[in-house]
PDB file of N, CA and C in Angstrom:
ATOM      1  N   MET A   1     -43.844  60.587   6.857  1.00  0.00           N
ATOM      2  CA  MET A   1     -44.104  59.515   7.497  1.00  0.00           C
ATOM      3  C   MET A   1     -45.635  59.954   8.173  1.00  0.00           C
ATOM      4  N   GLU A   2     -45.819  60.814   8.385  1.00  0.00           N
ATOM      5  CA  GLU A   2     -47.184  61.357   9.033  1.00  0.00           C
ATOM      6  C   GLU A   2     -48.281  60.900   7.921  1.00  0.00           C
ATOM      7  N   SER A   3     -47.931  61.259   6.699  1.00  0.00           N
ATOM      8  CA  SER A   3     -49.174  60.750   5.673  1.00  0.00           C
ATOM      9  C   SER A   3     -49.176  59.420   5.471  1.00  0.00           C
ATOM     10  N   LEU A   4     -48.340  58.555   5.607  1.00  0.00           N
ATOM     11  CA  LEU A   4     -48.517  57.146   5.626  1.00  0.00           C
ATOM     12  C   LEU A   4     -49.237  56.714   6.940  1.00  0.00           C
ATOM     13  N   TYR A   5     -48.968  57.228   7.911  1.00  0.00           N
ATOM     14  CA  TYR A   5     -49.682  56.929   9.237  1.00  0.00           C
ATOM     15  C   TYR A   5     -51.039  56.996   9.026  1.00  0.00           C
ATOM     16  N   SER A   6     -51.484  58.508   8.532  1.00  0.00           N
ATOM     17  CA  SER A   6     -52.834  58.868   8.597  1.00  0.00           C
ATOM     18  C   SER A   6     -53.726  58.159   7.139  1.00  0.00           C
ATOM     19  N   TRP A   7     -52.848  57.523   6.134  1.00  0.00           N
ATOM     20  CA  TRP A   7     -53.536  56.746   5.090  1.00  0.00           C
ATOM     21  C   TRP A   7     -53.761  55.341   5.500  1.00  0.00           C
ATOM     22  N   MET A   8     -52.855  54.758   6.525  1.00  0.00           N
ATOM     23  CA  MET A   8     -52.972  53.575   7.103  1.00  0.00           C
ATOM     24  C   MET A   8     -54.188  53.473   8.153  1.00  0.00           C
ATOM     25  N   THR A   9     -54.424  54.664   8.880  1.00  0.00           N
ATOM     26  CA  THR A   9     -55.259  54.545   9.853  1.00  0.00           C
ATOM     27  C   THR A   9     -56.833  54.740   9.251  1.00  0.00           C
ATOM     28  N   THR A  10     -56.777  55.443   8.027  1.00  0.00           N
ATOM     29  CA  THR A  10     -58.140  55.782   7.275  1.00  0.00           C
ATOM     30  C   THR A  10     -58.492  54.527   6.612  1.00  0.00           C
ATOM     31  N   ASN A  11     -57.575  53.811   6.267  1.00  0.00           N
ATOM     32  CA  ASN A  11     -57.939  52.436   5.702  1.00  0.00           C
ATOM     33  C   ASN A  11     -57.920  51.347   6.616  1.00  0.00           C
ATOM     34  N   GLY A  12     -58.039  51.439   7.884  1.00  0.00           N
ATOM     35  CA  GLY A  12     -58.332  50.571   8.778  1.00  0.00           C
ATOM     36  C   GLY A  12     -56.860  49.638   9.044  1.00  0.00           C
ATOM     37  N   LEU A  13     -55.693  50.167   8.818  1.00  0.00           N
ATOM     38  CA  LEU A  13     -54.687  49.255   9.015  1.00  0.00           C
ATOM     39  C   LEU A  13     -53.800  49.845  10.250  1.00  0.00           C
ATOM     40  N   ASP A  14     -53.202  48.934  11.015  1.00  0.00           N
ATOM     41  CA  ASP A  14     -52.452  49.422  12.196  1.00  0.00           C
ATOM     42  C   ASP A  14     -51.116  49.999  11.629  1.00  0.00           C
ATOM     43  N   PRO A  15     -50.264  50.897  12.027  1.00  0.00           N
ATOM     44  CA  PRO A  15     -49.225  51.547  11.450  1.00  0.00           C
ATOM     45  C   PRO A  15     -48.208  50.631  12.266  1.00  0.00           C
ATOM     46  N   ALA A  16     -48.229  49.967  13.027  1.00  0.00           N
ATOM     47  CA  ALA A  16     -47.259  49.143  13.861  1.00  0.00           C
ATOM     48  C   ALA A  16     -46.620  47.986  12.847  1.00  0.00           C
ATOM     49  N   LEU A  17     -47.733  47.937  11.851  1.00  0.00           N
ATOM     50  CA  LEU A  17     -47.584  46.837  10.889  1.00  0.00           C
ATOM     51  C   LEU A  17     -46.272  46.955  10.090  1.00  0.00           C
ATOM     52  N   ILE A  18     -45.849  48.116   9.946  1.00  0.00           N
ATOM     53  CA  ILE A  18     -44.345  48.617   9.288  1.00  0.00           C
ATOM     54  C   ILE A  18     -43.270  48.070  10.046  1.00  0.00           C
ATOM     55  N   ALA A  19     -43.360  48.065  11.304  1.00  0.00           N
ATOM     56  CA  ALA A  19     -42.449  47.779  12.242  1.00  0.00           C
ATOM     57  C   ALA A  19     -42.300  46.145  12.246  1.00  0.00           C
ATOM     58  N   TYR A  20     -43.474  45.619  12.160  1.00  0.00           N
ATOM     59  CA  TYR A  20     -43.611  44.023  12.213  1.00  0.00           C
ATOM     60  C   TYR A  20     -42.998  43.518  10.968  1.00  0.00           C
ATOM     61  N   ALA A  21     -43.608  44.122   9.787  1.00  0.00           N
ATOM     62  CA  ALA A  21     -42.895  43.743   8.480  1.00  0.00           C
ATOM     63  C   ALA A  21     -41.365  44.096   8.363  1.00  0.00           C
ATOM     64  N   GLY A  22     -40.851  44.924   8.866  1.00  0.00           N
ATOM     65  CA  GLY A  22     -39.480  45.271   9.098  1.00  0.00           C
ATOM     66  C   GLY A  22     -38.923  44.073   9.750  1.00  0.00           C
ATOM     67  N   ALA A  23     -39.545  43.599  10.921  1.00  0.00           N
ATOM     68  CA  ALA A  23     -38.934  42.707  11.832  1.00  0.00           C
ATOM     69  C   ALA A  23     -38.790  41.221  11.113  1.00  0.00           C
ATOM     70  N   ALA A  24     -39.975  40.936  10.376  1.00  0.00           N
ATOM     71  CA  ALA A  24     -39.992  39.609   9.621  1.00  0.00           C
ATOM     72  C   ALA A  24     -39.019  39.722   8.758  1.00  0.00           C
ATOM     73  N   ILE A  25     -38.701  40.717   7.951  1.00  0.00           N
ATOM     74  CA  ILE A  25     -37.816  40.811   6.966  1.00  0.00           C
ATOM     75  C   ILE A  25     -36.365  40.414   7.462  1.00  0.00           C
ATOM     76  N   ALA A  26     -36.207  41.255   8.543  1.00  0.00           N
ATOM     77  CA  ALA A  26     -34.828  41.190   9.240  1.00  0.00           C
ATOM     78  C   ALA A  26     -34.399  39.704   9.914  1.00  0.00           C
ATOM     79  N   PHE A  27     -35.670  39.160  10.287  1.00  0.00           N
ATOM     80  CA  PHE A  27     -35.654  37.521  11.112  1.00  0.00           C
ATOM     81  C   PHE A  27     -35.246  36.603   9.955  1.00  0.00           C
ATOM     82  N   PHE A  28     -36.072  36.700   8.593  1.00  0.00           N
ATOM     83  CA  PHE A  28     -35.720  35.855   7.634  1.00  0.00           C
ATOM     84  C   PHE A  28     -34.340  35.950   6.820  1.00  0.00           C
ATOM     85  N   ALA A  29     -34.146  37.306   6.607  1.00  0.00           N
ATOM     86  CA  ALA A  29     -32.630  37.462   6.257  1.00  0.00           C
ATOM     87  C   ALA A  29     -31.394  37.012   7.300  1.00  0.00           C
ATOM     88  N   LEU A  30     -31.566  37.104   8.598  1.00  0.00           N
ATOM     89  CA  LEU A  30     -30.630  36.682   9.589  1.00  0.00           C
ATOM     90  C   LEU A  30     -30.607  34.885   9.456  1.00  0.00           C
ATOM     91  N   ILE A  31     -31.904  34.257   9.140  1.00  0.00           N
ATOM     92  CA  ILE A  31     -31.950  32.939   9.066  1.00  0.00           C
ATOM     93  C   ILE A  31     -31.269  32.496   7.634  1.00  0.00           C
ATOM     94  N   LYS A  32     -31.415  33.184   6.748  1.00  0.00           N
ATOM     95  CA  LYS A  32     -30.660  32.769   5.499  1.00  0.00           C
ATOM     96  C   LYS A  32     -29.191  33.259   5.562  1.00  0.00           C
ATOM     97  N   VAL A  33     -28.733  34.206   6.520  1.00  0.00           N
ATOM     98  CA  VAL A  33     -27.272  34.208   6.504  1.00  0.00           C
ATOM     99  C   VAL A  33     -26.705  33.182   7.579  1.00  0.00           C
ATOM    100  N   PHE A  34     -27.482  32.721   8.510  1.00  0.00           N
ATOM    101  CA  PHE A  34     -27.105  31.532   9.178  1.00  0.00           C
ATOM    102  C   PHE A  34     -26.908  30.459   8.509  1.00  0.00           C
ATOM    103  N   PHE A  35     -27.947  30.185   7.670  1.00  0.00           N
ATOM    104  CA  PHE A  35     -27.608  28.761   6.957  1.00  0.00           C
ATOM    105  C   PHE A  35     -26.589  28.889   5.879  1.00  0.00           C
ATOM    106  N   PHE A  36     -26.254  30.278   5.285  1.00  0.00           N
ATOM    107  CA  PHE A  36     -25.176  30.291   4.505  1.00  0.00           C
ATOM    108  C   PHE A  36     -24.007  30.119   4.942  1.00  0.00           C
ATOM    109  N   GLN A  37     -23.670  30.674   6.129  1.00  0.00           N
ATOM    110  CA  GLN A  37     -22.559  30.563   7.062  1.00  0.00           C
ATOM    111  C   GLN A  37     -22.250  29.059   7.511  1.00  0.00           C
ATOM    112  N   LYS A  38     -23.304  28.255   7.595  1.00  0.00           N
ATOM    113  CA  LYS A  38     -23.398  26.883   8.223  1.00  0.00           C
ATOM    114  C   LYS A  38     -22.816  26.274   7.022  1.00  0.00           C
ATOM    115  N   LYS A  39     -23.309  26.522   5.707  1.00  0.00           N
ATOM    116  CA  LYS A  39     -22.808  25.801   4.474  1.00  0.00           C
ATOM    117  C   LYS A  39     -21.439  26.105   4.344  1.00  0.00           C
ATOM    118  N   ASN A  40     -20.980  27.376   4.377  1.00  0.00           N
ATOM    119  CA  ASN A  40     -19.684  27.605   4.172  1.00  0.00           C
ATOM    120  C   ASN A  40     -18.801  26.948   5.214  1.00  0.00           C
ATOM    121  N   ILE A  41     -19.034  26.945   6.402  1.00  0.00           N
ATOM    122  CA  ILE A  41     -18.442  26.098   7.509  1.00  0.00           C
ATOM    123  C   ILE A  41     -18.073  24.729   7.129  1.00  0.00           C
ATOM    124  N   ALA A  42     -19.438  24.264   6.684  1.00  0.00           N
ATOM    125  CA  ALA A  42     -19.393  22.620   6.330  1.00  0.00           C
ATOM    126  C   ALA A  42     -18.349  22.376   5.037  1.00  0.00           C
ATOM    127  N   GLU A  43     -18.413  23.221   4.163  1.00  0.00           N
ATOM    128  CA  GLU A  43     -17.706  23.131   3.106  1.00  0.00           C
ATOM    129  C   GLU A  43     -16.069  23.479   3.330  1.00  0.00           C
ATOM    130  N   ILE A  44     -15.882  24.194   4.166  1.00  0.00           N
ATOM    131  CA  ILE A  44     -14.368  24.582   4.658  1.00  0.00           C
ATOM    132  C   ILE A  44     -13.762  23.181   5.431  1.00  0.00           C
ATOM    133  N   GLU A  45     -14.729  22.637   6.372  1.00  0.00           N
ATOM    134  CA  GLU A  45     -14.655  21.508   7.204  1.00  0.00           C
ATOM    135  C   GLU A  45     -14.171  20.214   6.257  1.00  0.00           C
ATOM    136  N   ASN A  46     -14.964  20.213   5.103  1.00  0.00           N
ATOM    137  CA  ASN A  46     -14.729  18.978   3.974  1.00  0.00           C
ATOM    138  C   ASN A  46     -13.366  19.143   3.178  1.00  0.00           C
ATOM    139  N   ALA A  47     -13.149  20.236   3.101  1.00  0.00           N
ATOM    140  CA  ALA A  47     -11.925  20.772   2.198  1.00  0.00           C
ATOM    141  C   ALA A  47     -10.728  20.569   3.324  1.00  0.00           C
ATOM    142  N   GLU A  48     -10.830  20.681   4.462  1.00  0.00           N
ATOM    143  CA  GLU A  48      -9.671  20.302   5.590  1.00  0.00           C
ATOM    144  C   GLU A  48      -9.754  19.032   5.737  1.00  0.00           C
ATOM    145  N   LYS A  49     -10.766  18.080   5.708  1.00  0.00           N
ATOM    146  CA  LYS A  49     -10.621  16.617   5.803  1.00  0.00           C
ATOM    147  C   LYS A  49     -10.059  15.982   4.516  1.00  0.00           C
ATOM    148  N   LEU A  50     -10.468  16.792   3.295  1.00  0.00           N
ATOM    149  CA  LEU A  50      -9.717  15.976   1.901  1.00  0.00           C
ATOM    150  C   LEU A  50      -8.283  16.446   1.923  1.00  0.00           C
ATOM    151  N   GLN A  51      -7.955  17.474   2.397  1.00  0.00           N
ATOM    152  CA  GLN A  51      -6.308  17.777   2.650  1.00  0.00           C
ATOM    153  C   GLN A  51      -5.738  17.024   3.658  1.00  0.00           C
ATOM    154  N   ALA A  52      -6.423  16.664   4.940  1.00  0.00           N
ATOM    155  CA  ALA A  52      -5.759  15.753   5.479  1.00  0.00           C
ATOM    156  C   ALA A  52      -5.707  14.302   5.041  1.00  0.00           C
ATOM    157  N   GLU A  53      -6.625  13.956   4.368  1.00  0.00           N
ATOM    158  CA  GLU A  53      -6.837  12.489   3.707  1.00  0.00           C
ATOM    159  C   GLU A  53      -5.507  12.507   2.686  1.00  0.00           C
ATOM    160  N   ASP A  54      -5.452  13.837   2.169  1.00  0.00           N
ATOM    161  CA  ASP A  54      -4.148  13.886   0.886  1.00  0.00           C
ATOM    162  C   ASP A  54      -2.994  13.777   1.546  1.00  0.00           C
ATOM    163  N   ILE A  55      -2.704  14.094   2.785  1.00  0.00           N
ATOM    164  CA  ILE A  55      -1.706  14.322   3.470  1.00  0.00           C
ATOM    165  C   ILE A  55      -1.095  13.014   3.978  1.00  0.00           C
ATOM    166  N   ALA A  56      -2.147  12.248   4.521  1.00  0.00           N
ATOM    167  CA  ALA A  56      -2.074  10.995   5.060  1.00  0.00           C
ATOM    168  C   ALA A  56      -1.796   9.931   3.722  1.00  0.00           C
ATOM    169  N   THR A  57      -2.375   9.944   2.595  1.00  0.00           N
ATOM    170  CA  THR A  57      -2.161   9.336   1.573  1.00  0.00           C
ATOM    171  C   THR A  57      -0.671   9.730   1.088  1.00  0.00           C
ATOM    172  N   ALA A  58      -0.310  10.811   1.123  1.00  0.00           N
ATOM    173  CA  ALA A  58       1.164  11.069   0.678  1.00  0.00           C
ATOM    174  C   ALA A  58       2.107  10.433   1.612  1.00  0.00           C
ATOM    175  N   LYS A  59       1.759  10.661   3.001  1.00  0.00           N
ATOM    176  CA  LYS A  59       2.734   9.786   3.834  1.00  0.00           C
ATOM    177  C   LYS A  59       2.699   8.477   3.436  1.00  0.00           C
ATOM    178  N   VAL A  60       1.437   7.728   3.161  1.00  0.00           N
ATOM    179  CA  VAL A  60       1.524   6.506   3.327  1.00  0.00           C
ATOM    180  C   VAL A  60       2.477   5.861   1.808  1.00  0.00           C
ATOM    181  N   GLU A  61       2.181   6.706   0.851  1.00  0.00           N
ATOM    182  CA  GLU A  61       2.902   6.627  -0.334  1.00  0.00           C
ATOM    183  C   GLU A  61       4.486   6.910  -0.290  1.00  0.00           C
ATOM    184  N   THR A  62       4.652   7.616   0.613  1.00  0.00           N
ATOM    185  CA  THR A  62       6.091   8.056   0.862  1.00  0.00           C
ATOM    186  C   THR A  62       6.737   6.680   1.460  1.00  0.00           C
ATOM    187  N   ALA A  63       6.078   6.429   2.812  1.00  0.00           N
ATOM    188  CA  ALA A  63       6.564   5.043   3.371  1.00  0.00           C
ATOM    189  C   ALA A  63       6.858   3.834   2.360  1.00  0.00           C
ATOM    190  N   LYS A  64       5.754   3.705   1.627  1.00  0.00           N
ATOM    191  CA  LYS A  64       5.780   2.623   0.745  1.00  0.00           C
ATOM    192  C   LYS A  64       6.985   2.765  -0.299  1.00  0.00           C
ATOM    193  N   VAL A  65       7.149   3.838  -1.039  1.00  0.00           N
ATOM    194  CA  VAL A  65       8.369   3.978  -1.751  1.00  0.00           C
ATOM    195  C   VAL A  65       9.841   3.867  -0.942  1.00  0.00           C
ATOM    196  N   ALA A  66       9.695   4.275   0.395  1.00  0.00           N
ATOM    197  CA  ALA A  66      11.051   3.947   1.000  1.00  0.00           C
ATOM    198  C   ALA A  66      10.943   2.458   1.514  1.00  0.00           C
ATOM    199  N   VAL A  67      10.042   1.828   1.672  1.00  0.00           N
ATOM    200  CA  VAL A  67      10.084   0.324   1.751  1.00  0.00           C
ATOM    201  C   VAL A  67      10.598  -0.337   0.665  1.00  0.00           C
ATOM    202  N   GLU A  68      10.278   0.141  -0.399  1.00  0.00           N
ATOM    203  CA  GLU A  68      10.202  -0.379  -1.724  1.00  0.00           C
ATOM    204  C   GLU A  68      11.931  -0.363  -2.121  1.00  0.00           C
ATOM    205  N   LYS A  69      12.343   0.938  -1.838  1.00  0.00           N
ATOM    206  CA  LYS A  69      13.780   1.535  -2.145  1.00  0.00           C
ATOM    207  C   LYS A  69      14.735   0.543  -1.407  1.00  0.00           C
ATOM    208  N   ALA A  70      14.310   0.584   0.147  1.00  0.00           N
ATOM    209  CA  ALA A  70      15.044  -0.311   1.101  1.00  0.00           C
ATOM    210  C   ALA A  70      15.051  -1.902   0.649  1.00  0.00           C
ATOM    211  N   GLU A  71      14.016  -2.543   0.122  1.00  0.00           N
ATOM    212  CA  GLU A  71      14.048  -3.707  -0.543  1.00  0.00           C
ATOM    213  C   GLU A  71      14.807  -3.894  -1.740  1.00  0.00           C
ATOM    214  N   ALA A  72      14.847  -2.968  -2.585  1.00  0.00           N
ATOM    215  CA  ALA A  72      15.607  -2.909  -3.798  1.00  0.00           C
ATOM    216  C   ALA A  72      17.113  -2.972  -3.580  1.00  0.00           C
ATOM    217  N   GLU A  73      17.515  -2.014  -2.503  1.00  0.00           N
ATOM    218  CA  GLU A  73      18.705  -1.767  -1.995  1.00  0.00           C
ATOM    219  C   GLU A  73      19.241  -2.922  -1.638  1.00  0.00           C
ATOM    220  N   LYS A  74      18.464  -3.778  -0.564  1.00  0.00           N
ATOM    221  CA  LYS A  74      18.931  -5.294  -0.186  1.00  0.00           C
ATOM    222  C   LYS A  74      18.958  -6.230  -0.877  1.00  0.00           C
ATOM    223  N   ALA A  75      18.162  -6.268  -2.147  1.00  0.00           N
ATOM    224  CA  ALA A  75      18.353  -7.300  -3.128  1.00  0.00           C
ATOM    225  C   ALA A  75      19.498  -6.934  -3.972  1.00  0.00           C
ATOM    226  N   GLU A  76      19.730  -5.660  -4.205  1.00  0.00           N
ATOM    227  CA  GLU A  76      20.783  -5.176  -4.980  1.00  0.00           C
ATOM    228  C   GLU A  76      22.130  -5.803  -4.097  1.00  0.00           C
ATOM    229  N   SER A  77      22.216  -5.611  -2.944  1.00  0.00           N
ATOM    230  CA  SER A  77      23.389  -5.620  -2.123  1.00  0.00           C
ATOM    231  C   SER A  77      23.608  -7.514  -2.092  1.00  0.00           C
ATOM    232  N   GLU A  78      22.601  -8.197  -1.962  1.00  0.00           N
ATOM    233  CA  GLU A  78      22.639  -9.536  -1.927  1.00  0.00           C
ATOM    234  C   GLU A  78      22.840 -10.118  -3.213  1.00  0.00           C
ATOM    235  N   LYS A  79      22.527  -9.525  -4.349  1.00  0.00           N
ATOM    236  CA  LYS A  79      23.030  -9.793  -5.614  1.00  0.00           C
ATOM    237  C   LYS A  79      24.778  -9.597  -5.756  1.00  0.00           C
ATOM    238  N   ALA A  80      24.954  -8.483  -5.403  1.00  0.00           N
ATOM    239  CA  ALA A  80      26.454  -8.125  -5.370  1.00  0.00           C
ATOM    240  C   ALA A  80      27.205  -9.110  -4.471  1.00  0.00           C
ATOM    241  N   GLU A  81      26.697  -9.245  -3.297  1.00  0.00           N
ATOM    242  CA  GLU A  81      27.526 -10.521  -2.458  1.00  0.00           C
ATOM    243  C   GLU A  81      27.405 -11.776  -3.306  1.00  0.00           C
ATOM    244  N   SER A  82      26.357 -12.101  -3.743  1.00  0.00           N
ATOM    245  CA  SER A  82      26.495 -13.488  -4.463  1.00  0.00           C
ATOM    246  C   SER A  82      27.509 -13.530  -5.677  1.00  0.00           C
ATOM    247  N   GLU A  83      27.306 -12.479  -6.419  1.00  0.00           N
ATOM    248  CA  GLU A  83      28.125 -12.274  -7.568  1.00  0.00           C
ATOM    249  C   GLU A  83      29.560 -12.332  -7.157  1.00  0.00           C
ATOM    250  N   LYS A  84      29.919 -11.572  -6.128  1.00  0.00           N
ATOM    251  CA  LYS A  84      31.285 -11.619  -5.440  1.00  0.00           C
ATOM    252  C   LYS A  84      31.800 -12.991  -5.092  1.00  0.00           C
ATOM    253  N   ALA A  85      30.912 -13.845  -4.243  1.00  0.00           N
ATOM    254  CA  ALA A  85      31.020 -15.008  -3.748  1.00  0.00           C
ATOM    255  C   ALA A  85      31.433 -15.859  -4.978  1.00  0.00           C
ATOM    256  N   ALA A  86      30.343 -15.709  -5.924  1.00  0.00           N
ATOM    257  CA  ALA A  86      30.744 -16.762  -7.251  1.00  0.00           C
ATOM    258  C   ALA A  86      32.157 -16.416  -7.931  1.00  0.00           C
ATOM    259  N   ALA A  87      32.435 -15.047  -7.866  1.00  0.00           N
ATOM    260  CA  ALA A  87      33.685 -14.702  -8.430  1.00  0.00           C
ATOM    261  C   ALA A  87      35.028 -15.095  -7.711  1.00  0.00           C
ATOM    262  N   GLU A  88      34.796 -15.147  -6.408  1.00  0.00           N
ATOM    263  CA  GLU A  88      35.745 -15.657  -5.566  1.00  0.00           C
ATOM    264  C   GLU A  88      35.852 -17.101  -5.716  1.00  0.00           C
ATOM    265  N   LYS A  89      34.965 -17.965  -5.684  1.00  0.00           N
ATOM    266  CA  LYS A  89      34.708 -19.381  -5.777  1.00  0.00           C
ATOM    267  C   LYS A  89      35.425 -19.611  -7.313  1.00  0.00           C
ATOM    268  N   ALA A  90      35.194 -18.904  -8.471  1.00  0.00           N
ATOM    269  CA  ALA A  90      35.685 -19.099  -9.667  1.00  0.00           C
ATOM    270  C   ALA A  90      36.990 -18.805  -9.665  1.00  0.00           C
ATOM    271  N   GLU A  91      37.808 -17.929  -8.952  1.00  0.00           N
ATOM    272  CA  GLU A  91      38.994 -17.458  -8.947  1.00  0.00           C
ATOM    273  C   GLU A  91      39.731 -18.817  -8.038  1.00  0.00           C
ATOM    274  N   ALA A  92      39.188 -19.411  -6.799  1.00  0.00           N
ATOM    275  CA  ALA A  92      39.686 -20.331  -6.078  1.00  0.00           C
ATOM    276  C   ALA A  92      39.757 -21.615  -7.098  1.00  0.00           C
ATOM    277  N   GLU A  93      38.798 -21.932  -7.957  1.00  0.00           N
ATOM    278  CA  GLU A  93      38.722 -23.087  -8.689  1.00  0.00           C
ATOM    279  C   GLU A  93      39.909 -22.944  -9.576  1.00  0.00           C
ATOM    280  N   LYS A  94      39.990 -21.666 -10.071  1.00  0.00           N
ATOM    281  CA  LYS A  94      41.126 -21.348 -11.359  1.00  0.00           C
ATOM    282  C   LYS A  94      42.468 -21.713 -10.607  1.00  0.00           C
ATOM    283  N   ALA A  95      42.547 -21.296  -9.309  1.00  0.00           N
ATOM    284  CA  ALA A  95      43.875 -21.235  -8.787  1.00  0.00           C
ATOM    285  C   ALA A  95      44.104 -22.955  -8.585  1.00  0.00           C
ATOM    286  N   GLU A  96      43.081 -23.477  -8.158  1.00  0.00           N
ATOM    287  CA  GLU A  96      43.256 -25.176  -7.893  1.00  0.00           C
ATOM    288  C   GLU A  96      43.607 -25.741  -9.435  1.00  0.00           C
ATOM    289  N   ALA A  97      42.987 -25.393 -10.349  1.00  0.00           N
ATOM    290  CA  ALA A  97      43.181 -25.893 -11.567  1.00  0.00           C
ATOM    291  C   ALA A  97      44.565 -25.506 -12.148  1.00  0.00           C
ATOM    292  N   GLU A  98      45.093 -24.240 -11.698  1.00  0.00           N
ATOM    293  CA  GLU A  98      46.642 -23.998 -11.995  1.00  0.00           C
ATOM    294  C   GLU A  98      47.646 -24.627 -11.262  1.00  0.00           C
ATOM    295  N   LYS A  99      47.068 -24.927 -10.095  1.00  0.00           N
ATOM    296  CA  LYS A  99      48.126 -25.835  -9.149  1.00  0.00           C
ATOM    297  C   LYS A  99      48.199 -27.253  -9.683  1.00  0.00           C
ATOM    298  N   ALA A 100      46.882 -27.746 -10.247  1.00  0.00           N
ATOM    299  CA  ALA A 100      46.759 -29.173 -10.443  1.00  0.00           C
ATOM    300  C   ALA A 100      47.629 -29.423 -11.997  1.00  0.00           C
ATOM    301  N   ALA A 101      47.373 -28.271 -12.546  1.00  0.00           N
ATOM    302  CA  ALA A 101      48.145 -28.440 -14.124  1.00  0.00           C
ATOM    303  C   ALA A 101      49.564 -28.133 -13.793  1.00  0.00           C
ATOM    304  N   ALA A 102      50.186 -27.447 -12.827  1.00  0.00           N
ATOM    305  CA  ALA A 102      51.619 -27.257 -12.657  1.00  0.00           C
ATOM    306  C   ALA A 102      51.938 -28.676 -12.232  1.00  0.00           C
ATOM    307  N   GLU A 103      51.308 -29.277 -11.456  1.00  0.00           N
ATOM    308  CA  GLU A 103      52.042 -30.550 -10.849  1.00  0.00           C
ATOM    309  C   GLU A 103      51.918 -31.664 -11.722  1.00  0.00           C
TER     310      GLU A 103
END
């Protein structure tokens, strides 16, 4: 290290430049690390937002499917009731026709 010091002083350079250069390199390295971490955090937040949106979309789709299923069951039960009523009406008409034919 003494030879570097003597070489720098003989060439008119201040030996403190080594420390300043090291500090500048460390400073820029810290800035780069800071921006890299900031970018990673932003990517993680975006991934979490997308995941939350996917979950919300899945919940909406599940709710839509449940509503459609309930509507289909309601329509099916109404259809079954109308068929049952039609069958009862046909039985009643058949019974009346048999009564009328018997008289």
